[in-house]
Amino acid sequence: MAEDQRLSLTLMLIGVGRLVREEADRSLEAAGDGHSLRLMSALGHLAHEPGLSYSELGRRAGITAQSMQATVGRLERAGAVSRTSPSGRGRTAVLRVTEHGHRMLDEMRRTLAAVEEPLLAGLSAEERTVLAKALSTVAAQLSPAGPGRR
């Protein structure tokens, strides 16, 4: 593939990613309760792996631990996350998703599924499968442990 085509694919991925993220955030916000991809990300990671620290959640989301503390604070106030360890400076918070948080996460997933359908409406089932596989391959290349990564 020529250099200008690779650059073109990179720019297309960046542009499409930005547009999809904006649409997803708009739809989540419209669904209510101040939902966002950031909140969904934190809930999803904690639901999959309870007990993650603020630092680890922040690393996974690409934000600072302090920003993640604010995000988790919103989730705690909403009753979506509970802290099962004593709070205090220098202590690692042990965080768990509550039943309400699992319902919130399910609601946000349904919202994103509704966003996805019109985006992919012009693709056949086979094209959707190929796209999903290609994007998974690209994501694996970009992961910290992916080929060619340090």
C-alpha atoms as a PDB file:
ATOM      1  CA  MET A   1       0.000   0.000   0.000  1.00  0.00           C
ATOM      2  CA  ALA A   2       1.361   3.419  -0.913  1.00  0.00           C
ATOM      3  CA  GLU A   3       2.308   5.854   1.862  1.00  0.00           C
ATOM      4  CA  ASP A   4      -0.485   8.296   0.935  1.00  0.00           C
ATOM      5  CA  GLN A   5      -3.060   5.476   1.167  1.00  0.00           C
ATOM      6  CA  ARG A   6      -1.866   4.511   4.675  1.00  0.00           C
ATOM      7  CA  LEU A   7      -2.111   8.129   5.748  1.00  0.00           C
ATOM      8  CA  SER A   8      -5.548   8.291   4.203  1.00  0.00           C
ATOM      9  CA  LEU A   9      -6.687   5.206   6.163  1.00  0.00           C
ATOM     10  CA  THR A  10      -5.245   6.658   9.355  1.00  0.00           C
ATOM     11  CA  LEU A  11      -7.080   9.938   8.827  1.00  0.00           C
ATOM     12  CA  MET A  12     -10.286   8.078   7.967  1.00  0.00           C
ATOM     13  CA  LEU A  13     -10.049   6.027  11.177  1.00  0.00           C
ATOM     14  CA  ILE A  14      -9.401   9.159  13.229  1.00  0.00           C
ATOM     15  CA  GLY A  15     -12.273  11.050  11.619  1.00  0.00           C
ATOM     16  CA  VAL A  16     -14.769   8.200  11.832  1.00  0.00           C
ATOM     17  CA  GLY A  17     -13.714   7.490  15.414  1.00  0.00           C
ATOM     18  CA  ARG A  18     -14.277  11.117  16.396  1.00  0.00           C
ATOM     19  CA  LEU A  19     -17.695  11.241  14.709  1.00  0.00           C
ATOM     20  CA  VAL A  20     -18.810   7.960  16.283  1.00  0.00           C
ATOM     21  CA  ARG A  21     -17.593   9.079  19.724  1.00  0.00           C
ATOM     22  CA  GLU A  22     -19.480  12.381  19.421  1.00  0.00           C
ATOM     23  CA  GLU A  23     -22.681  10.609  18.341  1.00  0.00           C
ATOM     24  CA  ALA A  24     -22.326   8.041  21.118  1.00  0.00           C
ATOM     25  CA  ASP A  25     -21.807  10.736  23.762  1.00  0.00           C
ATOM     26  CA  ARG A  26     -24.782  12.744  22.429  1.00  0.00           C
ATOM     27  CA  SER A  27     -27.007   9.667  22.553  1.00  0.00           C
ATOM     28  CA  LEU A  28     -25.830   8.648  26.023  1.00  0.00           C
ATOM     29  CA  GLU A  29     -26.365  12.179  27.337  1.00  0.00           C
ATOM     30  CA  ALA A  30     -29.843  12.298  25.791  1.00  0.00           C
ATOM     31  CA  ALA A  31     -30.677   8.979  27.484  1.00  0.00           C
ATOM     32  CA  GLY A  32     -30.416  10.807  30.795  1.00  0.00           C
ATOM     33  CA  ASP A  33     -28.633  10.919  34.128  1.00  0.00           C
ATOM     34  CA  GLY A  34     -25.526  12.513  32.613  1.00  0.00           C
ATOM     35  CA  HIS A  35     -24.411   9.277  31.001  1.00  0.00           C
ATOM     36  CA  SER A  36     -21.205   9.419  28.972  1.00  0.00           C
ATOM     37  CA  LEU A  37     -18.637   7.140  27.408  1.00  0.00           C
ATOM     38  CA  ARG A  38     -16.293   7.940  30.308  1.00  0.00           C
ATOM     39  CA  LEU A  39     -18.857   6.753  32.854  1.00  0.00           C
ATOM     40  CA  MET A  40     -19.661   3.722  30.733  1.00  0.00           C
ATOM     41  CA  SER A  41     -15.974   2.875  30.404  1.00  0.00           C
ATOM     42  CA  ALA A  42     -15.383   3.030  34.166  1.00  0.00           C
ATOM     43  CA  LEU A  43     -18.498   0.949  34.871  1.00  0.00           C
ATOM     44  CA  GLY A  44     -17.597  -1.571  32.194  1.00  0.00           C
ATOM     45  CA  HIS A  45     -14.058  -2.046  33.469  1.00  0.00           C
ATOM     46  CA  LEU A  46     -15.231  -2.385  37.078  1.00  0.00           C
ATOM     47  CA  ALA A  47     -18.022  -4.796  36.121  1.00  0.00           C
ATOM     48  CA  HIS A  48     -15.517  -6.959  34.264  1.00  0.00           C
ATOM     49  CA  GLU A  49     -12.795  -6.691  36.901  1.00  0.00           C
ATOM     50  CA  PRO A  50     -14.086  -5.556  40.330  1.00  0.00           C
ATOM     51  CA  GLY A  51     -11.622  -3.905  42.657  1.00  0.00           C
ATOM     52  CA  LEU A  52      -9.567  -1.977  40.082  1.00  0.00           C
ATOM     53  CA  SER A  53      -7.788   1.073  41.492  1.00  0.00           C
ATOM     54  CA  TYR A  54      -8.316   4.645  40.315  1.00  0.00           C
ATOM     55  CA  SER A  55      -4.872   4.513  38.739  1.00  0.00           C
ATOM     56  CA  GLU A  56      -5.612   1.365  36.761  1.00  0.00           C
ATOM     57  CA  LEU A  57      -9.029   2.664  35.673  1.00  0.00           C
ATOM     58  CA  GLY A  58      -7.384   5.926  34.603  1.00  0.00           C
ATOM     59  CA  ARG A  59      -4.708   4.092  32.610  1.00  0.00           C
ATOM     60  CA  ARG A  60      -7.348   2.057  30.801  1.00  0.00           C
ATOM     61  CA  ALA A  61      -9.355   5.187  29.994  1.00  0.00           C
ATOM     62  CA  GLY A  62      -6.298   7.257  29.074  1.00  0.00           C
ATOM     63  CA  ILE A  63      -6.891   9.828  31.821  1.00  0.00           C
ATOM     64  CA  THR A  64      -5.211  10.691  35.125  1.00  0.00           C
ATOM     65  CA  ALA A  65      -6.062   8.962  38.377  1.00  0.00           C
ATOM     66  CA  GLN A  66      -7.391  12.317  39.641  1.00  0.00           C
ATOM     67  CA  SER A  67      -9.789  12.604  36.688  1.00  0.00           C
ATOM     68  CA  MET A  68     -10.897   9.028  37.272  1.00  0.00           C
ATOM     69  CA  GLN A  69     -11.541   9.839  40.942  1.00  0.00           C
ATOM     70  CA  ALA A  70     -13.962  12.543  39.805  1.00  0.00           C
ATOM     71  CA  THR A  71     -15.618  10.105  37.384  1.00  0.00           C
ATOM     72  CA  VAL A  72     -15.961   7.410  40.040  1.00  0.00           C
ATOM     73  CA  GLY A  73     -17.227  10.032  42.484  1.00  0.00           C
ATOM     74  CA  ARG A  74     -20.093  10.763  40.067  1.00  0.00           C
ATOM     75  CA  LEU A  75     -20.809   7.036  39.838  1.00  0.00           C
ATOM     76  CA  GLU A  76     -20.763   6.722  43.641  1.00  0.00           C
ATOM     77  CA  ARG A  77     -23.188   9.651  44.043  1.00  0.00           C
ATOM     78  CA  ALA A  78     -25.465   8.028  41.445  1.00  0.00           C
ATOM     79  CA  GLY A  79     -25.400   4.785  43.434  1.00  0.00           C
ATOM     80  CA  ALA A  80     -23.745   2.907  40.562  1.00  0.00           C
ATOM     81  CA  VAL A  81     -20.472   2.146  42.356  1.00  0.00           C
ATOM     82  CA  SER A  82     -19.713   1.419  45.990  1.00  0.00           C
ATOM     83  CA  ARG A  83     -16.428   1.616  47.814  1.00  0.00           C
ATOM     84  CA  THR A  84     -15.815  -1.507  49.892  1.00  0.00           C
ATOM     85  CA  SER A  85     -12.690  -0.204  51.598  1.00  0.00           C
ATOM     86  CA  PRO A  86     -12.169   2.642  54.030  1.00  0.00           C
ATOM     87  CA  SER A  87     -11.403   5.949  52.349  1.00  0.00           C
ATOM     88  CA  GLY A  88      -8.353   7.969  53.204  1.00  0.00           C
ATOM     89  CA  ARG A  89      -5.279   9.537  51.734  1.00  0.00           C
ATOM     90  CA  GLY A  90      -2.869   6.960  50.366  1.00  0.00           C
ATOM     91  CA  ARG A  91      -5.353   4.094  50.623  1.00  0.00           C
ATOM     92  CA  THR A  92      -6.306   2.109  47.585  1.00  0.00           C
ATOM     93  CA  ALA A  93     -10.043   2.253  47.013  1.00  0.00           C
ATOM     94  CA  VAL A  94     -11.706  -1.084  46.369  1.00  0.00           C
ATOM     95  CA  LEU A  95     -14.599  -0.319  44.033  1.00  0.00           C
ATOM     96  CA  ARG A  96     -17.532  -2.503  43.016  1.00  0.00           C
ATOM     97  CA  VAL A  97     -20.440  -1.974  40.631  1.00  0.00           C
ATOM     98  CA  THR A  98     -23.809  -2.057  42.404  1.00  0.00           C
ATOM     99  CA  GLU A  99     -26.991  -3.606  41.005  1.00  0.00           C
ATOM    100  CA  HIS A 100     -28.061  -0.102  39.998  1.00  0.00           C
ATOM    101  CA  GLY A 101     -24.710   0.313  38.245  1.00  0.00           C
ATOM    102  CA  HIS A 102     -25.219  -2.925  36.305  1.00  0.00           C
ATOM    103  CA  ARG A 103     -28.650  -1.678  35.198  1.00  0.00           C
ATOM    104  CA  MET A 104     -27.094   1.663  34.164  1.00  0.00           C
ATOM    105  CA  LEU A 105     -24.414  -0.177  32.184  1.00  0.00           C
ATOM    106  CA  ASP A 106     -27.041  -2.319  30.441  1.00  0.00           C
ATOM    107  CA  GLU A 107     -29.012   0.823  29.579  1.00  0.00           C
ATOM    108  CA  MET A 108     -25.906   2.509  28.157  1.00  0.00           C
ATOM    109  CA  ARG A 109     -25.088  -0.604  26.107  1.00  0.00           C
ATOM    110  CA  ARG A 110     -28.609  -0.567  24.639  1.00  0.00           C
ATOM    111  CA  THR A 111     -28.174   3.125  23.803  1.00  0.00           C
ATOM    112  CA  LEU A 112     -24.922   2.405  21.970  1.00  0.00           C
ATOM    113  CA  ALA A 113     -26.511  -0.505  20.110  1.00  0.00           C
ATOM    114  CA  ALA A 114     -29.163   1.927  18.879  1.00  0.00           C
ATOM    115  CA  VAL A 115     -26.384   4.287  17.706  1.00  0.00           C
ATOM    116  CA  GLU A 116     -24.594   1.458  15.925  1.00  0.00           C
ATOM    117  CA  GLU A 117     -27.504   0.225  13.839  1.00  0.00           C
ATOM    118  CA  PRO A 118     -27.920   3.269  11.554  1.00  0.00           C
ATOM    119  CA  LEU A 119     -24.132   3.630  11.261  1.00  0.00           C
ATOM    120  CA  LEU A 120     -23.838   0.118   9.853  1.00  0.00           C
ATOM    121  CA  ALA A 121     -27.167  -0.056   8.023  1.00  0.00           C
ATOM    122  CA  GLY A 122     -25.464   0.040   4.616  1.00  0.00           C
ATOM    123  CA  LEU A 123     -23.290  -2.986   5.392  1.00  0.00           C
ATOM    124  CA  SER A 124     -24.239  -6.611   4.898  1.00  0.00           C
ATOM    125  CA  ALA A 125     -23.811  -9.102   7.747  1.00  0.00           C
ATOM    126  CA  GLU A 126     -20.644 -10.370   6.065  1.00  0.00           C
ATOM    127  CA  GLU A 127     -19.245  -6.826   5.713  1.00  0.00           C
ATOM    128  CA  ARG A 128     -19.987  -6.156   9.391  1.00  0.00           C
ATOM    129  CA  THR A 129     -18.087  -9.314  10.325  1.00  0.00           C
ATOM    130  CA  VAL A 130     -15.111  -8.303   8.157  1.00  0.00           C
ATOM    131  CA  LEU A 131     -15.142  -4.776   9.619  1.00  0.00           C
ATOM    132  CA  ALA A 132     -15.274  -6.085  13.202  1.00  0.00           C
ATOM    133  CA  LYS A 133     -12.378  -8.466  12.528  1.00  0.00           C
ATOM    134  CA  ALA A 134     -10.294  -5.742  10.847  1.00  0.00           C
ATOM    135  CA  LEU A 135     -10.897  -3.263  13.668  1.00  0.00           C
ATOM    136  CA  SER A 136     -10.031  -5.938  16.262  1.00  0.00           C
ATOM    137  CA  THR A 137      -6.770  -6.593  14.438  1.00  0.00           C
ATOM    138  CA  VAL A 138      -5.950  -2.875  14.338  1.00  0.00           C
ATOM    139  CA  ALA A 139      -6.808  -2.513  18.044  1.00  0.00           C
ATOM    140  CA  ALA A 140      -4.555  -5.467  18.927  1.00  0.00           C
ATOM    141  CA  GLN A 141      -1.699  -3.797  17.048  1.00  0.00           C
ATOM    142  CA  LEU A 142      -2.195  -0.650  19.119  1.00  0.00           C
ATOM    143  CA  SER A 143      -2.478  -2.324  22.509  1.00  0.00           C
ATOM    144  CA  PRO A 144       0.559  -1.936  24.784  1.00  0.00           C
ATOM    145  CA  ALA A 145       1.379  -5.633  24.363  1.00  0.00           C
ATOM    146  CA  GLY A 146       0.670  -5.658  20.617  1.00  0.00           C
ATOM    147  CA  PRO A 147       3.261  -6.501  17.968  1.00  0.00           C
ATOM    148  CA  GLY A 148       5.808  -3.759  17.459  1.00  0.00           C
ATOM    149  CA  ARG A 149       4.874  -1.995  20.723  1.00  0.00           C
ATOM    150  CA  ARG A 150       7.327  -1.301  23.514  1.00  0.00           C
END
